[in-house]
Amino acid sequence: MSLQNGETPAPHADGDGPDGPGDGEPGAGTTPPGARSTPPGAGAAPPERGATSRGPGAAPPKSGAASPGPGATPPGPGSPTIPVPTPASAPRRGRPRSEAVEQAIFEAVGGLLDDGVPLTELSVERIARTAGVGKATIYRRWSGKEDLFVDLLRSLEPPDPVLPGTSVRDDLVALLEALRQRGLAKRSSALLHTVFSQMQLYPKLWDAYQLTVIEPRRRLGLDVVRRGMARGEIRADLDVEFVNDLLVGPLLLRTVVRPGSSDLDPGLAERVVDTLLDGLGPRT
């Protein structure tokens, strides 16, 4: 159904948008496409061995037994009964189109931003209409557009690192290398650049990104610093947060303050960690 004059389509009876329940799954009471329909008389008990067709005066069939329909060939003795799935007993297909739906939603947001629509003017209704889904489809995945935007950023950024755990130095290098890779991604992705440049004008989105993305990464760095202090690799008399700021500061400076520079070169993470550990190590 096409939308005219900005109308919002009425929700379906199942509470979902045009993609229906489960994003393309058949609803209850419908036969999935390609599934075999139940033949007439299916489920009838096979005749007892040696039994003949009923003639006049024959005893009526047992209650609940169904006779084969016209033209149907009754199963022979010993033939296995093949169960035919019914809508109530057939297994659900899950969400086969979930990834495709989410990708369509992300692409809708990206397309709107590319067209010059500010983040603050993007509504769930407009995103849903552009993606060709119902608003319920979006709200089933995200509590609001801020959570949607945060997940979009996560999908564009490199994944968080897996720390090797071999030494505090190696873990710190892995953390800073991931920060360097994210800085490179922001430079190469116009969409990332657009979103981050607008987040300062969108405090609610910035707070959501800080809480769900930045803060967990920060806690991970603080844990590595504390482990270094416990192992004697970093002086225990230093402030943990101050040490962490010293480590990530050079990467953030080159990513945020000087985004146009070309100084996010390979080996930067190792140089920062080795230089700081030389000064932060225990005094002899």
C-alpha atoms as a PDB file:
ATOM      1  CA  MET A   1       0.000   0.000   0.000  1.00  0.00           C
ATOM      2  CA  SER A   2       1.559   3.258  -0.983  1.00  0.00           C
ATOM      3  CA  LEU A   3       1.720   6.165   1.423  1.00  0.00           C
ATOM      4  CA  GLN A   4       0.357   9.544   0.420  1.00  0.00           C
ATOM      5  CA  ASN A   5       0.503  12.921   2.111  1.00  0.00           C
ATOM      6  CA  GLY A   6       2.730  11.569   4.895  1.00  0.00           C
ATOM      7  CA  GLU A   7       0.117   9.135   6.163  1.00  0.00           C
ATOM      8  CA  THR A   8       1.224   6.432   8.531  1.00  0.00           C
ATOM      9  CA  PRO A   9      -0.016   2.959   7.653  1.00  0.00           C
ATOM     10  CA  ALA A  10      -2.367   1.480  10.172  1.00  0.00           C
ATOM     11  CA  PRO A  11      -0.705  -1.303  12.175  1.00  0.00           C
ATOM     12  CA  HIS A  12      -1.593  -4.843  11.225  1.00  0.00           C
ATOM     13  CA  ALA A  13      -3.681  -6.941  13.507  1.00  0.00           C
ATOM     14  CA  ASP A  14      -0.533  -8.638  14.812  1.00  0.00           C
ATOM     15  CA  GLY A  15       0.969  -5.328  15.882  1.00  0.00           C
ATOM     16  CA  ASP A  16       3.731  -5.444  13.273  1.00  0.00           C
ATOM     17  CA  GLY A  17       4.462  -3.409  10.186  1.00  0.00           C
ATOM     18  CA  PRO A  18       4.093  -4.517   6.583  1.00  0.00           C
ATOM     19  CA  ASP A  19       6.705  -7.205   7.023  1.00  0.00           C
ATOM     20  CA  GLY A  20       4.294  -9.171   9.249  1.00  0.00           C
ATOM     21  CA  PRO A  21       5.104 -11.269  12.276  1.00  0.00           C
ATOM     22  CA  GLY A  22       8.734 -12.236  12.625  1.00  0.00           C
ATOM     23  CA  ASP A  23       9.861 -10.186   9.598  1.00  0.00           C
ATOM     24  CA  GLY A  24       8.565 -12.334   6.805  1.00  0.00           C
ATOM     25  CA  GLU A  25       7.535 -15.409   8.759  1.00  0.00           C
ATOM     26  CA  PRO A  26       4.136 -16.943   8.000  1.00  0.00           C
ATOM     27  CA  GLY A  27       1.547 -16.026  10.578  1.00  0.00           C
ATOM     28  CA  ALA A  28      -0.270 -18.506  12.744  1.00  0.00           C
ATOM     29  CA  GLY A  29      -2.902 -20.468  10.877  1.00  0.00           C
ATOM     30  CA  THR A  30      -1.224 -20.215   7.468  1.00  0.00           C
ATOM     31  CA  THR A  31       0.611 -22.928   5.594  1.00  0.00           C
ATOM     32  CA  PRO A  32       4.266 -21.922   4.885  1.00  0.00           C
ATOM     33  CA  PRO A  33       5.050 -21.500   1.173  1.00  0.00           C
ATOM     34  CA  GLY A  34       6.192 -24.790  -0.345  1.00  0.00           C
ATOM     35  CA  ALA A  35       4.814 -26.852   2.529  1.00  0.00           C
ATOM     36  CA  ARG A  36       2.684 -29.869   1.523  1.00  0.00           C
ATOM     37  CA  SER A  37      -0.977 -29.402   2.181  1.00  0.00           C
ATOM     38  CA  THR A  38      -2.765 -32.003   4.256  1.00  0.00           C
ATOM     39  CA  PRO A  39      -4.305 -34.615   1.946  1.00  0.00           C
ATOM     40  CA  PRO A  40      -7.912 -35.666   2.481  1.00  0.00           C
ATOM     41  CA  GLY A  41      -8.194 -38.329   5.101  1.00  0.00           C
ATOM     42  CA  ALA A  42      -4.646 -37.855   6.357  1.00  0.00           C
ATOM     43  CA  GLY A  43      -4.174 -39.233   9.843  1.00  0.00           C
ATOM     44  CA  ALA A  44      -6.604 -42.157   9.307  1.00  0.00           C
ATOM     45  CA  ALA A  45      -5.588 -45.375  10.978  1.00  0.00           C
ATOM     46  CA  PRO A  46      -4.514 -48.101   8.511  1.00  0.00           C
ATOM     47  CA  PRO A  47      -6.977 -51.023   8.188  1.00  0.00           C
ATOM     48  CA  GLU A  48      -6.247 -54.093  10.195  1.00  0.00           C
ATOM     49  CA  ARG A  49      -4.493 -56.916   8.412  1.00  0.00           C
ATOM     50  CA  GLY A  50      -6.975 -58.961   6.471  1.00  0.00           C
ATOM     51  CA  ALA A  51      -9.781 -56.467   6.866  1.00  0.00           C
ATOM     52  CA  THR A  52     -12.067 -55.908   3.902  1.00  0.00           C
ATOM     53  CA  SER A  53     -14.086 -52.921   2.912  1.00  0.00           C
ATOM     54  CA  ARG A  54     -17.319 -52.482   4.775  1.00  0.00           C
ATOM     55  CA  GLY A  55     -20.311 -54.015   3.272  1.00  0.00           C
ATOM     56  CA  PRO A  56     -23.923 -53.977   4.311  1.00  0.00           C
ATOM     57  CA  GLY A  57     -24.246 -54.802   7.931  1.00  0.00           C
ATOM     58  CA  ALA A  58     -20.584 -54.231   8.689  1.00  0.00           C
ATOM     59  CA  ALA A  59     -19.725 -52.653  11.992  1.00  0.00           C
ATOM     60  CA  PRO A  60     -19.224 -48.881  11.775  1.00  0.00           C
ATOM     61  CA  PRO A  61     -15.669 -47.595  12.025  1.00  0.00           C
ATOM     62  CA  LYS A  62     -14.277 -46.699  15.414  1.00  0.00           C
ATOM     63  CA  SER A  63     -15.090 -43.264  16.688  1.00  0.00           C
ATOM     64  CA  GLY A  64     -12.561 -40.655  15.543  1.00  0.00           C
ATOM     65  CA  ALA A  65     -11.276 -42.716  12.588  1.00  0.00           C
ATOM     66  CA  ALA A  66     -11.429 -41.026   9.221  1.00  0.00           C
ATOM     67  CA  SER A  67     -11.982 -42.882   5.987  1.00  0.00           C
ATOM     68  CA  PRO A  68      -9.708 -42.223   3.019  1.00  0.00           C
ATOM     69  CA  GLY A  69     -11.098 -39.570   0.729  1.00  0.00           C
ATOM     70  CA  PRO A  70     -12.389 -40.278  -2.796  1.00  0.00           C
ATOM     71  CA  GLY A  71      -9.601 -41.542  -5.042  1.00  0.00           C
ATOM     72  CA  ALA A  72      -7.158 -41.894  -2.145  1.00  0.00           C
ATOM     73  CA  THR A  73      -5.160 -45.102  -1.893  1.00  0.00           C
ATOM     74  CA  PRO A  74      -5.244 -46.437   1.655  1.00  0.00           C
ATOM     75  CA  PRO A  75      -1.844 -47.385   3.088  1.00  0.00           C
ATOM     76  CA  GLY A  76      -0.961 -51.016   2.899  1.00  0.00           C
ATOM     77  CA  PRO A  77      -0.319 -53.206   5.906  1.00  0.00           C
ATOM     78  CA  GLY A  78       2.759 -52.108   7.777  1.00  0.00           C
ATOM     79  CA  SER A  79       3.106 -48.869   5.848  1.00  0.00           C
ATOM     80  CA  PRO A  80       4.629 -46.113   8.023  1.00  0.00           C
ATOM     81  CA  THR A  81       2.444 -43.147   8.830  1.00  0.00           C
ATOM     82  CA  ILE A  82       3.989 -39.954   7.434  1.00  0.00           C
ATOM     83  CA  PRO A  83       3.106 -37.023   9.693  1.00  0.00           C
ATOM     84  CA  VAL A  84       2.020 -33.913   7.833  1.00  0.00           C
ATOM     85  CA  PRO A  85       2.915 -30.746   9.724  1.00  0.00           C
ATOM     86  CA  THR A  86       0.069 -28.466  10.596  1.00  0.00           C
ATOM     87  CA  PRO A  87       0.352 -24.748  11.367  1.00  0.00           C
ATOM     88  CA  ALA A  88       0.032 -25.499  15.066  1.00  0.00           C
ATOM     89  CA  SER A  89       2.742 -28.179  15.153  1.00  0.00           C
ATOM     90  CA  ALA A  90       5.090 -27.061  12.366  1.00  0.00           C
ATOM     91  CA  PRO A  91       8.341 -25.585  13.739  1.00  0.00           C
ATOM     92  CA  ARG A  92       8.756 -21.835  13.344  1.00  0.00           C
ATOM     93  CA  ARG A  93      11.355 -20.681  10.898  1.00  0.00           C
ATOM     94  CA  GLY A  94      12.910 -18.244  13.377  1.00  0.00           C
ATOM     95  CA  ARG A  95      13.843 -14.882  11.881  1.00  0.00           C
ATOM     96  CA  PRO A  96      15.431 -15.692   8.532  1.00  0.00           C
ATOM     97  CA  ARG A  97      15.237 -12.084   7.401  1.00  0.00           C
ATOM     98  CA  SER A  98      16.421 -10.347  10.597  1.00  0.00           C
ATOM     99  CA  GLU A  99      19.851  -9.446   9.232  1.00  0.00           C
ATOM    100  CA  ALA A 100      18.383  -8.281   5.942  1.00  0.00           C
ATOM    101  CA  VAL A 101      15.814  -6.143   7.744  1.00  0.00           C
ATOM    102  CA  GLU A 102      18.413  -4.540  10.020  1.00  0.00           C
ATOM    103  CA  GLN A 103      20.671  -3.859   7.048  1.00  0.00           C
ATOM    104  CA  ALA A 104      17.774  -2.221   5.221  1.00  0.00           C
ATOM    105  CA  ILE A 105      17.147  -0.013   8.254  1.00  0.00           C
ATOM    106  CA  PHE A 106      20.829   0.960   8.525  1.00  0.00           C
ATOM    107  CA  GLU A 107      20.926   1.758   4.815  1.00  0.00           C
ATOM    108  CA  ALA A 108      17.793   3.872   5.178  1.00  0.00           C
ATOM    109  CA  VAL A 109      19.443   5.947   7.920  1.00  0.00           C
ATOM    110  CA  GLY A 110      22.625   6.292   5.866  1.00  0.00           C
ATOM    111  CA  GLY A 111      20.677   7.341   2.792  1.00  0.00           C
ATOM    112  CA  LEU A 112      18.746   9.988   4.701  1.00  0.00           C
ATOM    113  CA  LEU A 113      21.958  11.383   6.194  1.00  0.00           C
ATOM    114  CA  ASP A 114      23.594  11.421   2.765  1.00  0.00           C
ATOM    115  CA  ASP A 115      20.597  13.422   1.529  1.00  0.00           C
ATOM    116  CA  GLY A 116      21.369  16.048   4.139  1.00  0.00           C
ATOM    117  CA  VAL A 117      18.723  15.190   6.754  1.00  0.00           C
ATOM    118  CA  PRO A 118      20.128  16.097  10.209  1.00  0.00           C
ATOM    119  CA  LEU A 119      20.225  13.431  12.885  1.00  0.00           C
ATOM    120  CA  THR A 120      17.909  15.464  15.079  1.00  0.00           C
ATOM    121  CA  GLU A 121      15.220  15.418  12.360  1.00  0.00           C
ATOM    122  CA  LEU A 122      15.276  11.673  11.749  1.00  0.00           C
ATOM    123  CA  SER A 123      12.172  10.058  13.227  1.00  0.00           C
ATOM    124  CA  VAL A 124      11.418   6.363  13.627  1.00  0.00           C
ATOM    125  CA  GLU A 125       8.420   6.794  11.335  1.00  0.00           C
ATOM    126  CA  ARG A 126      10.541   8.348   8.590  1.00  0.00           C
ATOM    127  CA  ILE A 127      13.235   5.690   8.903  1.00  0.00           C
ATOM    128  CA  ALA A 128      10.638   2.905   8.774  1.00  0.00           C
ATOM    129  CA  ARG A 129       8.971   4.392   5.712  1.00  0.00           C
ATOM    130  CA  THR A 130      12.311   4.732   3.907  1.00  0.00           C
ATOM    131  CA  ALA A 131      13.367   1.169   4.836  1.00  0.00           C
ATOM    132  CA  GLY A 132      10.000  -0.289   3.802  1.00  0.00           C
ATOM    133  CA  VAL A 133       9.211  -1.745   7.226  1.00  0.00           C
ATOM    134  CA  GLY A 134       6.730  -1.019   9.977  1.00  0.00           C
ATOM    135  CA  LYS A 135       7.550   1.064  13.042  1.00  0.00           C
ATOM    136  CA  ALA A 136       6.923  -2.024  15.199  1.00  0.00           C
ATOM    137  CA  THR A 137       9.804  -3.738  13.395  1.00  0.00           C
ATOM    138  CA  ILE A 138      12.160  -1.004  14.583  1.00  0.00           C
ATOM    139  CA  TYR A 139      10.784  -0.839  18.120  1.00  0.00           C
ATOM    140  CA  ARG A 140      11.082  -4.615  18.416  1.00  0.00           C
ATOM    141  CA  ARG A 141      14.860  -4.224  17.984  1.00  0.00           C
ATOM    142  CA  TRP A 142      15.628  -0.833  19.542  1.00  0.00           C
ATOM    143  CA  SER A 143      13.962   1.154  22.304  1.00  0.00           C
ATOM    144  CA  GLY A 144      14.320   4.347  20.291  1.00  0.00           C
ATOM    145  CA  LYS A 145      16.253   6.026  17.519  1.00  0.00           C
ATOM    146  CA  GLU A 146      19.237   6.765  19.805  1.00  0.00           C
ATOM    147  CA  ASP A 147      19.816   3.039  20.366  1.00  0.00           C
ATOM    148  CA  LEU A 148      19.420   2.493  16.617  1.00  0.00           C
ATOM    149  CA  PHE A 149      22.060   5.143  15.857  1.00  0.00           C
ATOM    150  CA  VAL A 150      24.473   3.634  18.385  1.00  0.00           C
ATOM    151  CA  ASP A 151      24.137   0.200  16.766  1.00  0.00           C
ATOM    152  CA  LEU A 152      24.667   1.807  13.366  1.00  0.00           C
ATOM    153  CA  LEU A 153      27.941   3.308  14.612  1.00  0.00           C
ATOM    154  CA  ARG A 154      29.012  -0.041  16.010  1.00  0.00           C
ATOM    155  CA  SER A 155      28.353  -1.696  12.656  1.00  0.00           C
ATOM    156  CA  LEU A 156      30.595   0.838  10.911  1.00  0.00           C
ATOM    157  CA  GLU A 157      33.464   0.770  13.398  1.00  0.00           C
ATOM    158  CA  PRO A 158      36.036  -2.039  13.687  1.00  0.00           C
ATOM    159  CA  PRO A 159      35.097  -4.591  16.367  1.00  0.00           C
ATOM    160  CA  ASP A 160      36.485  -4.273  19.878  1.00  0.00           C
ATOM    161  CA  PRO A 161      39.783  -6.140  20.315  1.00  0.00           C
ATOM    162  CA  VAL A 162      40.318  -9.489  21.953  1.00  0.00           C
ATOM    163  CA  LEU A 163      43.157  -9.007  24.428  1.00  0.00           C
ATOM    164  CA  PRO A 164      45.936 -11.596  24.072  1.00  0.00           C
ATOM    165  CA  GLY A 165      46.537 -11.766  27.826  1.00  0.00           C
ATOM    166  CA  THR A 166      50.213 -12.647  27.359  1.00  0.00           C
ATOM    167  CA  SER A 167      51.424  -9.479  29.117  1.00  0.00           C
ATOM    168  CA  VAL A 168      50.189  -6.066  30.174  1.00  0.00           C
ATOM    169  CA  ARG A 169      52.233  -4.522  27.372  1.00  0.00           C
ATOM    170  CA  ASP A 170      50.605  -6.728  24.745  1.00  0.00           C
ATOM    171  CA  ASP A 171      47.122  -5.945  26.080  1.00  0.00           C
ATOM    172  CA  LEU A 172      47.788  -2.202  26.040  1.00  0.00           C
ATOM    173  CA  VAL A 173      49.136  -2.406  22.479  1.00  0.00           C
ATOM    174  CA  ALA A 174      45.989  -4.275  21.399  1.00  0.00           C
ATOM    175  CA  LEU A 175      43.758  -1.609  22.966  1.00  0.00           C
ATOM    176  CA  LEU A 176      45.624   1.299  21.353  1.00  0.00           C
ATOM    177  CA  GLU A 177      45.797  -0.448  17.981  1.00  0.00           C
ATOM    178  CA  ALA A 178      42.018  -0.826  18.031  1.00  0.00           C
ATOM    179  CA  LEU A 179      41.733   2.891  18.807  1.00  0.00           C
ATOM    180  CA  ARG A 180      44.023   3.656  15.863  1.00  0.00           C
ATOM    181  CA  GLN A 181      41.910   1.491  13.552  1.00  0.00           C
ATOM    182  CA  ARG A 182      38.742   3.296  14.661  1.00  0.00           C
ATOM    183  CA  GLY A 183      40.429   6.610  13.900  1.00  0.00           C
ATOM    184  CA  LEU A 184      41.265   5.417  10.399  1.00  0.00           C
ATOM    185  CA  ALA A 185      37.682   4.211   9.914  1.00  0.00           C
ATOM    186  CA  LYS A 186      36.322   7.644  10.843  1.00  0.00           C
ATOM    187  CA  ARG A 187      38.557   9.218   8.239  1.00  0.00           C
ATOM    188  CA  SER A 188      37.548   6.822   5.475  1.00  0.00           C
ATOM    189  CA  SER A 189      33.808   6.597   6.237  1.00  0.00           C
ATOM    190  CA  ALA A 190      31.793   9.654   5.250  1.00  0.00           C
ATOM    191  CA  LEU A 191      28.831   8.331   7.223  1.00  0.00           C
ATOM    192  CA  LEU A 192      30.882   7.912  10.411  1.00  0.00           C
ATOM    193  CA  HIS A 193      32.293  11.395   9.952  1.00  0.00           C
ATOM    194  CA  THR A 194      28.792  12.822   9.485  1.00  0.00           C
ATOM    195  CA  VAL A 195      27.354  11.096  12.544  1.00  0.00           C
ATOM    196  CA  PHE A 196      30.236  12.007  14.843  1.00  0.00           C
ATOM    197  CA  SER A 197      30.270  15.608  13.665  1.00  0.00           C
ATOM    198  CA  GLN A 198      26.548  15.916  14.507  1.00  0.00           C
ATOM    199  CA  MET A 199      26.603  14.068  17.818  1.00  0.00           C
ATOM    200  CA  GLN A 200      27.797  17.167  19.662  1.00  0.00           C
ATOM    201  CA  LEU A 201      24.498  18.812  18.665  1.00  0.00           C
ATOM    202  CA  TYR A 202      22.569  15.756  19.830  1.00  0.00           C
ATOM    203  CA  PRO A 203      23.346  15.321  23.560  1.00  0.00           C
ATOM    204  CA  LYS A 204      20.980  12.393  24.018  1.00  0.00           C
ATOM    205  CA  LEU A 205      22.747  10.376  21.310  1.00  0.00           C
ATOM    206  CA  TRP A 206      26.183  11.373  22.612  1.00  0.00           C
ATOM    207  CA  ASP A 207      25.226  10.237  26.121  1.00  0.00           C
ATOM    208  CA  ALA A 208      23.931   6.908  24.779  1.00  0.00           C
ATOM    209  CA  TYR A 209      27.149   6.342  22.799  1.00  0.00           C
ATOM    210  CA  GLN A 210      29.297   7.234  25.805  1.00  0.00           C
ATOM    211  CA  LEU A 211      27.350   4.895  28.082  1.00  0.00           C
ATOM    212  CA  THR A 212      27.126   1.838  25.822  1.00  0.00           C
ATOM    213  CA  VAL A 213      30.344   2.075  23.755  1.00  0.00           C
ATOM    214  CA  ILE A 214      32.981   4.428  25.190  1.00  0.00           C
ATOM    215  CA  GLU A 215      32.580   3.583  28.882  1.00  0.00           C
ATOM    216  CA  PRO A 216      32.976  -0.217  28.465  1.00  0.00           C
ATOM    217  CA  ARG A 217      36.138   0.374  26.413  1.00  0.00           C
ATOM    218  CA  ARG A 218      37.444   2.756  29.051  1.00  0.00           C
ATOM    219  CA  ARG A 219      36.788   0.248  31.856  1.00  0.00           C
ATOM    220  CA  LEU A 220      38.677  -2.365  29.873  1.00  0.00           C
ATOM    221  CA  GLY A 221      41.732  -0.074  29.691  1.00  0.00           C
ATOM    222  CA  LEU A 222      41.525   0.703  33.399  1.00  0.00           C
ATOM    223  CA  ASP A 223      41.452  -3.016  34.210  1.00  0.00           C
ATOM    224  CA  VAL A 224      44.619  -3.578  32.176  1.00  0.00           C
ATOM    225  CA  VAL A 225      46.385  -0.720  33.990  1.00  0.00           C
ATOM    226  CA  ARG A 226      45.354  -2.119  37.381  1.00  0.00           C
ATOM    227  CA  ARG A 227      46.641  -5.531  36.366  1.00  0.00           C
ATOM    228  CA  GLY A 228      49.955  -3.941  35.406  1.00  0.00           C
ATOM    229  CA  MET A 229      50.199  -2.328  38.819  1.00  0.00           C
ATOM    230  CA  ALA A 230      49.391  -5.614  40.559  1.00  0.00           C
ATOM    231  CA  ARG A 231      52.126  -7.379  38.557  1.00  0.00           C
ATOM    232  CA  GLY A 232      54.692  -4.679  39.236  1.00  0.00           C
ATOM    233  CA  GLU A 233      54.914  -3.591  35.575  1.00  0.00           C
ATOM    234  CA  ILE A 234      53.452  -0.144  36.350  1.00  0.00           C
ATOM    235  CA  ARG A 235      54.138   1.901  39.454  1.00  0.00           C
ATOM    236  CA  ALA A 236      51.417   1.315  42.007  1.00  0.00           C
ATOM    237  CA  ASP A 237      51.633   4.861  43.435  1.00  0.00           C
ATOM    238  CA  LEU A 238      50.157   6.394  40.242  1.00  0.00           C
ATOM    239  CA  ASP A 239      46.525   7.258  39.621  1.00  0.00           C
ATOM    240  CA  VAL A 240      44.899   4.585  37.451  1.00  0.00           C
ATOM    241  CA  GLU A 241      42.746   6.961  35.411  1.00  0.00           C
ATOM    242  CA  PHE A 242      45.660   9.350  34.882  1.00  0.00           C
ATOM    243  CA  VAL A 243      47.788   6.517  33.490  1.00  0.00           C
ATOM    244  CA  ASN A 244      44.967   5.458  31.177  1.00  0.00           C
ATOM    245  CA  ASP A 245      44.600   9.058  29.935  1.00  0.00           C
ATOM    246  CA  LEU A 246      48.326   9.180  29.191  1.00  0.00           C
ATOM    247  CA  LEU A 247      48.003   6.018  27.105  1.00  0.00           C
ATOM    248  CA  VAL A 248      44.975   6.941  24.987  1.00  0.00           C
ATOM    249  CA  GLY A 249      45.740  10.672  24.797  1.00  0.00           C
ATOM    250  CA  PRO A 250      48.133  10.563  21.814  1.00  0.00           C
ATOM    251  CA  LEU A 251      45.670   8.446  19.780  1.00  0.00           C
ATOM    252  CA  LEU A 252      42.712  10.695  20.588  1.00  0.00           C
ATOM    253  CA  LEU A 253      44.756  13.799  19.761  1.00  0.00           C
ATOM    254  CA  ARG A 254      45.561  12.491  16.298  1.00  0.00           C
ATOM    255  CA  THR A 255      42.035  11.187  15.720  1.00  0.00           C
ATOM    256  CA  VAL A 256      39.876  14.007  17.059  1.00  0.00           C
ATOM    257  CA  VAL A 257      41.969  17.164  17.267  1.00  0.00           C
ATOM    258  CA  ARG A 258      43.996  16.561  14.096  1.00  0.00           C
ATOM    259  CA  PRO A 259      41.685  14.350  12.002  1.00  0.00           C
ATOM    260  CA  GLY A 260      43.208  15.504   8.711  1.00  0.00           C
ATOM    261  CA  SER A 261      46.757  14.506   9.572  1.00  0.00           C
ATOM    262  CA  SER A 262      48.406  11.342   8.310  1.00  0.00           C
ATOM    263  CA  ASP A 263      50.122  10.396  11.565  1.00  0.00           C
ATOM    264  CA  LEU A 264      48.036   7.334  12.479  1.00  0.00           C
ATOM    265  CA  ASP A 265      50.756   5.170  11.003  1.00  0.00           C
ATOM    266  CA  PRO A 266      51.318   1.481  11.806  1.00  0.00           C
ATOM    267  CA  GLY A 267      53.474   0.958  14.865  1.00  0.00           C
ATOM    268  CA  LEU A 268      52.056   3.991  16.665  1.00  0.00           C
ATOM    269  CA  ALA A 269      50.426   1.862  19.376  1.00  0.00           C
ATOM    270  CA  GLU A 270      53.707   0.072  20.145  1.00  0.00           C
ATOM    271  CA  ARG A 271      55.646   3.359  20.312  1.00  0.00           C
ATOM    272  CA  VAL A 272      53.182   4.951  22.714  1.00  0.00           C
ATOM    273  CA  VAL A 273      53.039   1.939  25.041  1.00  0.00           C
ATOM    274  CA  ASP A 274      56.803   1.315  25.107  1.00  0.00           C
ATOM    275  CA  THR A 275      57.606   4.992  25.716  1.00  0.00           C
ATOM    276  CA  LEU A 276      55.137   5.303  28.572  1.00  0.00           C
ATOM    277  CA  LEU A 277      56.033   1.999  30.207  1.00  0.00           C
ATOM    278  CA  ASP A 278      59.673   3.137  30.316  1.00  0.00           C
ATOM    279  CA  GLY A 279      58.603   6.114  32.407  1.00  0.00           C
ATOM    280  CA  LEU A 280      55.803   4.433  34.332  1.00  0.00           C
ATOM    281  CA  GLY A 281      57.702   1.313  35.300  1.00  0.00           C
ATOM    282  CA  PRO A 282      58.952   0.708  38.863  1.00  0.00           C
ATOM    283  CA  ARG A 283      61.929   2.833  39.896  1.00  0.00           C
ATOM    284  CA  THR A 284      65.128   0.991  40.633  1.00  0.00           C
END
